Amino acid sequence: MTYDIAIVGGGAAGMCAAVHAAALWPDLKIVLIEALDRVGKKLIVTGNGRCNIVNKRRDSLYYHSDNMHVVNTILQRFDLNVTLDFLSSIGIYVDFLPDGRGYPAGYQASGVVDAFRFALEERGVTVLTSTRVEAIIPRGVLTLKTTAGQLLAKTVILTPGLTAGGEKLGSDGSVYKLLRGMGYKFSPVTPSLVQLKTEPAAVRSLKGIHVDCVATLYKNGKPGASCADEVLFTEYGLSGPAILQISREVSRSNGRFEVGLDLVPKLEIDALRELLFQRRDTLAKRASEEFLTAFSNKRVGQLILKTAGIPFGIPAGEIQDFQITGVAKLLKDLRFTLTGTTGMTNAQVAAGGILLTNFNTKTLESNINPGIFAAGELLDVDGDCGGFNLQWAWSSGMLAAESAVARCRERK
């Protein structure tokens, strides 16, 4: 069988490209090749199973790449409105939260995957699961050697992702290695949107606690990325949306990294200190270890009191002024030294990837092997939390599909 378009990778970008290409030219023979036993496995776990599918915010600050001009051009061409039209064409309607995040109306990632599966079937796309591509021979008609045998294709769209999520989500990096062998250049591939590790003793007493705060990443003492959201203390360190959002740089450069938590972001340090002085006077007879009870999480509060050198068992009225100042500073900047991340297996996305300079930036067709296109996480583009990575999957997937269809028209 010779296909018009063979798509390698059945994730968000791959399914989008297949559906879009089939809609543009229903007579095309299209095959979608997925290494796992079903398509969309990574998509089904996004957003804690709710699938944050898009975001109303369009600022390029939410994306990272060595070639942001190209990224911006693609995102503007296939923007939110184009995406919403595409999604609605397969039965997915989006409900937006006040912060701009968009979810499928049913708030189920499984429903999104099902909608794509139905659309693939309805549009006549052949889906090969449990099939790995082992080699691509780019001579004339492209030859794909797979674990299920050999097939031919006039064009190929590569959407296999990289290594985020690990093998359980189909991200074993095999196509990444294959493309390196074909001469493609990559920027370093590292985990992003990933949990951060500390010394276990630093968080042991706080395991399981959630706090709303502002988390800031520090490199060699200098502040960097910051995010106001929830932080979760775990047995290994720090997790939660705020931590994932600021995690990108930890694996991408060397240095001494710390996370500072502002637990009282609505108060400036001077106002907080005055409030704590008043609290000491009001609660003078209360035990010192309960000084922050009902003001902050109890266990977090007691860690701060210990760190500030306040002995337990004395009346709160005996806490010294300098100790109150210390408590205020810790509430505004509770620091944790990082020892690394929890790795690519736990990452929601991989930063880095195949350089956009390997491709025609208007079509996403390879400059090395004509007829090969790419989209999604494989490319050197990654976004922040909030639906931005899926928006890139939809935008780049549609561009690659339209370009592959155009190439097929030229060859008819």
Protein backbone atom coordinates (compact mmCIF):
# COMPACT_ATOMS: atom_id res chain seq x y z
CA MET A 1 0.00 0.00 0.00
CA THR A 2 1.25 3.46 -0.90
CA TYR A 3 -0.29 6.22 1.24
CA ASP A 4 -0.54 9.86 0.34
CA ILE A 5 0.26 10.90 3.90
CA ALA A 6 1.77 8.80 6.69
CA ILE A 7 1.65 10.39 10.14
CA VAL A 8 4.04 9.06 12.76
CA GLY A 9 2.68 9.56 16.27
CA GLY A 10 -0.92 9.38 17.46
CA GLY A 11 -0.87 12.15 20.02
CA ALA A 12 -2.57 15.55 19.86
CA ALA A 13 -0.60 16.94 16.91
CA GLY A 14 -0.76 13.67 14.97
CA MET A 15 -4.49 13.17 15.35
CA CYS A 16 -5.10 16.83 14.52
CA ALA A 17 -2.98 16.58 11.37
CA ALA A 18 -4.73 13.39 10.24
CA VAL A 19 -8.23 14.74 10.78
CA HIS A 20 -7.45 18.11 9.19
CA ALA A 21 -5.75 16.58 6.14
CA ALA A 22 -8.65 14.17 5.59
CA ALA A 23 -11.13 17.03 5.81
CA LEU A 24 -9.17 19.07 3.27
CA TRP A 25 -9.03 16.24 0.73
CA PRO A 26 -11.29 13.28 1.53
CA ASP A 27 -9.88 11.10 -1.28
CA LEU A 28 -6.38 11.01 0.20
CA LYS A 29 -5.09 7.74 1.63
CA ILE A 30 -3.88 8.65 5.11
CA VAL A 31 -2.36 6.38 7.75
CA LEU A 32 -1.72 7.29 11.40
CA ILE A 33 0.95 5.16 13.05
CA GLU A 34 1.04 4.90 16.86
CA ALA A 35 3.53 2.91 18.95
CA LEU A 36 1.09 2.27 21.81
CA ASP A 37 -2.03 0.12 21.75
CA ARG A 38 -4.29 3.16 21.32
CA VAL A 39 -4.03 6.76 20.21
CA GLY A 40 -4.13 9.77 22.53
CA LYS A 41 -2.69 8.20 25.69
CA LYS A 42 -0.71 11.28 26.65
CA LEU A 43 -3.64 13.56 25.85
CA ILE A 44 -5.94 11.56 28.09
CA VAL A 45 -3.93 12.40 31.23
CA THR A 46 -3.56 16.15 30.58
CA GLY A 47 -5.05 18.65 33.00
CA ASN A 48 -5.55 15.94 35.64
CA GLY A 49 -7.87 14.19 33.23
CA ARG A 50 -9.85 17.33 32.40
CA CYS A 51 -7.71 18.43 29.40
CA ASN A 52 -6.85 22.13 29.40
CA ILE A 53 -7.23 22.24 25.63
CA VAL A 54 -6.56 25.93 24.74
CA ASN A 55 -6.05 29.34 26.34
CA LYS A 56 -7.46 32.75 25.41
CA ARG A 57 -4.12 34.36 26.23
CA ARG A 58 -1.97 34.59 23.10
CA ASP A 59 1.18 36.35 24.30
CA SER A 60 4.41 34.79 23.04
CA LEU A 61 5.80 35.10 26.57
CA TYR A 62 4.03 31.82 27.28
CA TYR A 63 6.22 29.98 24.74
CA HIS A 64 9.90 29.07 24.53
CA SER A 65 11.96 28.39 21.40
CA ASP A 66 15.21 29.34 19.68
CA ASN A 67 13.09 30.77 16.86
CA MET A 68 10.17 32.64 18.39
CA HIS A 69 9.48 34.64 15.24
CA VAL A 70 8.45 31.45 13.45
CA VAL A 71 6.43 30.26 16.44
CA ASN A 72 4.53 33.56 16.57
CA THR A 73 3.81 33.45 12.84
CA ILE A 74 2.36 29.94 13.05
CA LEU A 75 0.30 30.72 16.16
CA GLN A 76 -1.11 33.84 14.49
CA ARG A 77 -1.99 31.99 11.31
CA PHE A 78 -3.67 29.11 13.13
CA ASP A 79 -4.97 31.12 16.08
CA LEU A 80 -7.54 30.44 18.76
CA ASN A 81 -10.51 31.12 16.49
CA VAL A 82 -9.20 28.72 13.83
CA THR A 83 -8.59 26.14 16.55
CA LEU A 84 -12.08 26.50 18.02
CA ASP A 85 -13.61 26.04 14.54
CA PHE A 86 -11.51 22.92 14.02
CA LEU A 87 -12.43 21.46 17.40
CA SER A 88 -16.13 22.17 16.95
CA SER A 89 -16.01 20.41 13.56
CA ILE A 90 -15.35 17.14 15.40
CA GLY A 91 -17.79 17.79 18.23
CA ILE A 92 -15.54 19.42 20.83
CA TYR A 93 -16.86 22.63 22.36
CA VAL A 94 -14.74 24.70 24.74
CA ASP A 95 -15.72 26.21 28.08
CA PHE A 96 -13.46 29.04 29.27
CA LEU A 97 -12.58 29.87 32.86
CA PRO A 98 -12.11 33.50 33.96
CA ASP A 99 -8.32 33.13 33.79
CA GLY A 100 -8.47 32.25 30.09
CA ARG A 101 -7.98 28.49 30.31
CA GLY A 102 -10.27 26.53 28.02
CA TYR A 103 -11.57 23.02 28.70
CA PRO A 104 -13.82 20.69 26.72
CA ALA A 105 -17.41 21.33 27.75
CA GLY A 106 -17.57 17.89 29.36
CA TYR A 107 -14.33 18.51 31.30
CA GLN A 108 -13.08 15.05 30.34
CA ALA A 109 -9.87 14.40 28.46
CA SER A 110 -11.19 10.95 27.57
CA GLY A 111 -14.05 12.64 25.71
CA VAL A 112 -11.56 14.65 23.65
CA VAL A 113 -9.68 11.49 22.68
CA ASP A 114 -12.95 9.75 21.80
CA ALA A 115 -13.98 12.69 19.58
CA PHE A 116 -10.71 12.37 17.68
CA ARG A 117 -11.05 8.60 17.37
CA PHE A 118 -14.54 8.97 15.93
CA ALA A 119 -13.35 11.70 13.54
CA LEU A 120 -10.46 9.54 12.31
CA GLU A 121 -12.83 6.68 11.61
CA GLU A 122 -15.46 8.91 9.98
CA ARG A 123 -12.88 10.45 7.66
CA GLY A 124 -11.44 7.11 6.57
CA VAL A 125 -8.00 7.46 8.19
CA THR A 126 -6.23 4.13 8.63
CA VAL A 127 -4.94 3.80 12.21
CA LEU A 128 -2.10 1.39 12.98
CA THR A 129 -1.52 0.94 16.71
CA SER A 130 1.20 -1.07 18.50
CA THR A 131 3.42 -0.18 15.54
CA ARG A 132 6.81 1.49 15.77
CA VAL A 133 8.64 3.21 12.94
CA GLU A 134 12.21 1.91 12.87
CA ALA A 135 13.54 3.68 9.78
CA ILE A 136 12.56 6.22 7.14
CA ILE A 137 14.25 5.91 3.76
CA PRO A 138 13.87 9.24 1.92
CA ARG A 139 14.33 8.21 -1.72
CA GLY A 140 11.55 9.27 -4.07
CA VAL A 141 8.47 7.77 -2.48
CA LEU A 142 9.28 7.60 1.22
CA THR A 143 9.74 4.13 2.70
CA LEU A 144 8.83 3.54 6.32
CA LYS A 145 10.13 0.38 7.96
CA THR A 146 7.91 -0.49 10.90
CA THR A 147 7.48 -3.35 13.33
CA ALA A 148 4.38 -4.31 11.31
CA GLY A 149 6.22 -4.33 7.99
CA GLN A 150 7.13 -1.85 5.31
CA LEU A 151 4.87 0.83 3.86
CA LEU A 152 5.29 3.60 1.30
CA ALA A 153 4.14 7.21 1.51
CA LYS A 154 4.27 10.24 -0.74
CA THR A 155 4.58 12.50 2.32
CA VAL A 156 5.28 11.93 6.01
CA ILE A 157 4.29 14.09 8.99
CA LEU A 158 6.36 13.46 12.12
CA THR A 159 4.46 14.04 15.37
CA PRO A 160 5.95 11.49 17.78
CA GLY A 161 6.66 13.85 20.67
CA LEU A 162 9.99 13.46 22.44
CA THR A 163 10.53 11.80 25.81
CA ALA A 164 8.15 13.57 28.23
CA GLY A 165 6.02 11.06 30.12
CA GLY A 166 8.30 8.16 29.30
CA GLU A 167 7.52 4.89 27.56
CA LYS A 168 4.17 4.42 29.33
CA LEU A 169 2.89 7.35 27.28
CA GLY A 170 4.72 6.36 24.12
CA SER A 171 7.58 8.81 24.57
CA ASP A 172 10.60 6.53 24.30
CA GLY A 173 12.65 8.90 22.14
CA SER A 174 13.11 6.35 19.34
CA VAL A 175 12.09 8.73 16.52
CA TYR A 176 14.27 11.41 18.12
CA LYS A 177 17.26 9.06 17.77
CA LEU A 178 16.21 8.11 14.25
CA LEU A 179 16.16 11.75 13.14
CA ARG A 180 19.53 12.44 14.70
CA GLY A 181 20.88 9.67 12.52
CA MET A 182 19.35 11.35 9.47
CA GLY A 183 21.26 14.57 10.14
CA TYR A 184 18.69 16.72 11.93
CA LYS A 185 19.95 19.14 14.58
CA PHE A 186 18.38 19.43 18.02
CA SER A 187 18.54 21.82 20.92
CA PRO A 188 19.05 20.10 24.31
CA VAL A 189 15.99 18.08 25.36
CA THR A 190 15.17 18.44 29.06
CA PRO A 191 12.11 18.00 31.31
CA SER A 192 9.70 20.92 31.66
CA LEU A 193 6.47 21.32 33.62
CA VAL A 194 7.93 18.88 36.12
CA GLN A 195 8.08 18.45 39.90
CA LEU A 196 11.15 19.69 41.78
CA LYS A 197 13.21 17.74 44.30
CA THR A 198 14.64 18.98 47.60
CA GLU A 199 16.46 17.26 50.42
CA PRO A 200 13.77 14.98 51.93
CA ALA A 201 14.30 16.36 55.44
CA ALA A 202 13.33 19.86 54.27
CA VAL A 203 9.77 18.84 53.40
CA ARG A 204 9.20 15.68 55.45
CA SER A 205 6.95 17.37 58.02
CA LEU A 206 4.90 19.08 55.28
CA LYS A 207 4.07 16.08 53.08
CA GLY A 208 0.54 16.30 51.65
CA ILE A 209 -0.04 19.99 52.44
CA HIS A 210 -1.35 22.34 49.73
CA VAL A 211 -0.74 26.10 49.98
CA ASP A 212 -1.76 28.97 47.72
CA CYS A 213 1.22 31.26 47.34
CA VAL A 214 3.63 32.90 44.92
CA ALA A 215 6.50 30.57 44.03
CA THR A 216 9.73 32.07 42.66
CA LEU A 217 12.70 30.22 41.20
CA TYR A 218 16.13 31.53 42.21
CA LYS A 219 19.34 30.73 40.34
CA ASN A 220 22.53 31.57 42.22
CA GLY A 221 20.46 33.87 44.42
CA LYS A 222 18.88 35.84 41.58
CA PRO A 223 15.08 35.64 41.07
CA GLY A 224 13.73 34.20 37.84
CA ALA A 225 10.38 32.68 36.87
CA SER A 226 7.52 33.29 39.28
CA CYS A 227 3.95 31.98 39.50
CA ALA A 228 0.98 32.57 41.81
CA ASP A 229 -0.87 29.28 42.26
CA GLU A 230 -1.02 26.17 44.41
CA VAL A 231 2.07 24.36 45.73
CA LEU A 232 1.96 20.80 47.03
CA PHE A 233 4.57 19.46 49.45
CA THR A 234 5.56 15.85 48.73
CA GLU A 235 7.94 13.23 50.08
CA TYR A 236 10.53 14.20 47.45
CA GLY A 237 10.04 17.97 47.35
CA LEU A 238 7.61 20.35 45.67
CA SER A 239 4.79 19.90 43.18
CA GLY A 240 1.59 21.64 42.15
CA PRO A 241 0.76 24.07 39.31
CA ALA A 242 3.01 26.89 40.56
CA ILE A 243 6.03 24.58 40.73
CA LEU A 244 5.44 23.05 37.30
CA GLN A 245 5.18 26.52 35.83
CA ILE A 246 8.60 27.65 37.10
CA SER A 247 10.47 24.36 36.66
CA ARG A 248 11.76 24.71 33.09
CA GLU A 249 15.15 26.30 33.80
CA VAL A 250 16.26 23.81 36.48
CA SER A 251 17.25 21.16 33.92
CA ARG A 252 18.47 23.54 31.24
CA SER A 253 21.40 25.23 32.97
CA ASN A 254 23.87 24.75 35.78
CA GLY A 255 23.73 26.65 39.01
CA ARG A 256 22.40 26.64 42.56
CA PHE A 257 18.62 26.61 42.39
CA GLU A 258 16.18 27.46 45.12
CA VAL A 259 12.44 28.02 45.34
CA GLY A 260 11.07 30.79 47.53
CA LEU A 261 7.42 30.71 48.61
CA ASP A 262 5.58 33.93 49.46
CA LEU A 263 2.82 32.59 51.70
CA VAL A 264 1.25 36.01 52.29
CA PRO A 265 1.43 37.70 48.87
CA LYS A 266 -1.30 40.24 49.65
CA LEU A 267 0.80 41.91 52.38
CA GLU A 268 4.09 43.76 52.06
CA ILE A 269 6.77 42.80 54.57
CA ASP A 270 6.37 45.91 56.77
CA ALA A 271 2.59 45.53 57.02
CA LEU A 272 2.98 41.82 57.77
CA ARG A 273 5.51 42.51 60.53
CA GLU A 274 3.17 45.04 62.17
CA LEU A 275 0.32 42.55 61.97
CA LEU A 276 2.46 39.91 63.68
CA PHE A 277 3.41 42.37 66.45
CA GLN A 278 -0.30 43.01 67.04
CA ARG A 279 -0.95 39.28 67.01
CA ARG A 280 1.72 38.72 69.67
CA ASP A 281 0.03 41.28 71.91
CA THR A 282 -3.44 39.86 71.31
CA LEU A 283 -2.37 36.24 71.82
CA ALA A 284 0.21 36.85 74.52
CA LYS A 285 -0.93 33.89 76.65
CA ARG A 286 -1.15 31.43 73.78
CA ALA A 287 1.61 28.79 73.49
CA SER A 288 4.32 29.93 71.10
CA GLU A 289 3.95 26.84 68.90
CA GLU A 290 0.36 27.94 68.19
CA PHE A 291 1.28 31.54 67.35
CA LEU A 292 0.54 31.09 63.61
CA THR A 293 -2.38 28.67 64.00
CA ALA A 294 -5.36 29.92 61.93
CA PHE A 295 -3.03 32.44 60.26
CA SER A 296 -1.24 29.88 58.10
CA ASN A 297 -1.36 26.13 57.68
CA LYS A 298 -0.54 24.78 61.14
CA ARG A 299 2.35 22.51 60.13
CA VAL A 300 3.83 25.12 57.79
CA GLY A 301 3.50 27.69 60.57
CA GLN A 302 5.29 25.50 63.08
CA LEU A 303 8.14 24.86 60.60
CA ILE A 304 8.50 28.63 60.20
CA LEU A 305 8.51 29.20 63.97
CA LYS A 306 11.22 26.56 64.44
CA THR A 307 13.29 28.01 61.60
CA ALA A 308 12.98 31.47 63.19
CA GLY A 309 14.48 30.05 66.40
CA ILE A 310 11.36 30.42 68.56
CA PRO A 311 11.31 27.85 71.37
CA PHE A 312 8.06 25.95 71.83
CA GLY A 313 6.32 25.92 75.20
CA ILE A 314 6.77 29.60 76.05
CA PRO A 315 3.94 32.16 75.94
CA ALA A 316 3.61 33.93 72.59
CA GLY A 317 4.02 37.22 74.45
CA GLU A 318 7.66 36.32 75.11
CA ILE A 319 8.55 36.05 71.42
CA GLN A 320 11.24 38.66 70.74
CA ASP A 321 10.95 41.46 68.19
CA PHE A 322 13.81 40.10 66.08
CA GLN A 323 12.07 36.71 66.05
CA ILE A 324 8.84 38.32 64.83
CA THR A 325 10.87 39.96 62.05
CA GLY A 326 12.31 36.54 61.20
CA VAL A 327 8.84 34.99 61.03
CA ALA A 328 7.67 37.77 58.70
CA LYS A 329 10.65 37.22 56.39
CA LEU A 330 10.02 33.48 56.26
CA LEU A 331 6.32 33.95 55.53
CA LYS A 332 7.31 36.17 52.61
CA ASP A 333 10.17 33.97 51.40
CA LEU A 334 10.25 30.38 52.65
CA ARG A 335 13.26 28.96 50.81
CA PHE A 336 13.94 25.41 49.68
CA THR A 337 17.22 24.36 48.04
CA LEU A 338 16.65 22.17 45.00
CA THR A 339 18.50 18.98 44.14
CA GLY A 340 16.96 18.52 40.68
CA THR A 341 13.71 17.49 39.02
CA THR A 342 11.77 14.23 39.10
CA GLY A 343 12.89 13.61 35.52
CA MET A 344 11.47 13.18 32.05
CA THR A 345 9.15 10.33 33.01
CA ASN A 346 7.20 12.72 35.23
CA ALA A 347 7.44 15.75 32.94
CA GLN A 348 4.32 16.99 31.16
CA VAL A 349 6.39 18.28 28.25
CA ALA A 350 9.96 18.24 26.97
CA ALA A 351 11.76 21.54 26.44
CA GLY A 352 14.00 21.71 23.40
CA GLY A 353 13.71 19.48 20.33
CA ILE A 354 14.44 19.49 16.64
CA LEU A 355 15.49 22.97 15.53
CA LEU A 356 13.02 24.90 13.40
CA THR A 357 15.91 25.83 11.10
CA ASN A 358 15.74 22.25 9.81
CA PHE A 359 12.37 23.12 8.23
CA ASN A 360 10.75 25.55 5.85
CA THR A 361 9.21 27.89 8.39
CA LYS A 362 6.17 28.62 6.20
CA THR A 363 5.25 24.96 5.64
CA LEU A 364 7.12 22.92 8.28
CA GLU A 365 8.56 20.81 5.43
CA SER A 366 12.05 19.45 5.98
CA ASN A 367 14.94 21.27 4.33
CA ILE A 368 16.89 18.01 4.44
CA ASN A 369 14.28 15.53 3.16
CA PRO A 370 11.54 17.03 0.95
CA GLY A 371 8.15 15.47 1.64
CA ILE A 372 8.79 15.10 5.37
CA PHE A 373 6.98 17.52 7.69
CA ALA A 374 6.94 17.86 11.49
CA ALA A 375 4.66 19.23 14.20
CA GLY A 376 4.05 19.25 17.94
CA GLU A 377 6.46 18.55 20.76
CA LEU A 378 9.12 17.10 18.46
CA LEU A 379 9.95 20.66 17.39
CA ASP A 380 11.96 23.05 19.55
CA VAL A 381 8.86 24.72 21.01
CA ASP A 382 7.37 24.32 24.46
CA GLY A 383 4.80 26.32 26.36
CA ASP A 384 3.87 27.11 29.94
CA CYS A 385 1.04 25.44 31.84
CA GLY A 386 -2.42 26.48 30.78
CA GLY A 387 -3.21 24.87 27.42
CA PHE A 388 -0.34 26.50 25.55
CA ASN A 389 1.37 23.24 24.57
CA LEU A 390 -1.86 21.84 23.16
CA GLN A 391 -2.41 25.08 21.25
CA TRP A 392 1.00 24.54 19.65
CA ALA A 393 0.00 20.95 18.81
CA TRP A 394 -3.20 22.14 17.08
CA SER A 395 -1.56 25.05 15.24
CA SER A 396 1.53 23.19 14.02
CA GLY A 397 -0.52 20.06 13.27
CA MET A 398 -2.89 22.00 11.02
CA LEU A 399 -0.01 23.74 9.23
CA ALA A 400 1.81 20.46 8.59
CA ALA A 401 -1.42 18.88 7.35
CA GLU A 402 -2.19 21.72 4.93
CA SER A 403 1.38 21.69 3.64
CA ALA A 404 1.39 17.91 3.13
CA VAL A 405 -1.94 18.09 1.30
CA ALA A 406 -0.56 20.86 -0.93
CA ARG A 407 2.48 18.68 -1.71
CA CYS A 408 0.17 15.78 -2.61
CA ARG A 409 -1.80 18.02 -4.97
CA GLU A 410 1.43 18.94 -6.75
CA ARG A 411 2.22 15.25 -7.27
CA LYS A 412 -1.19 14.21 -8.58
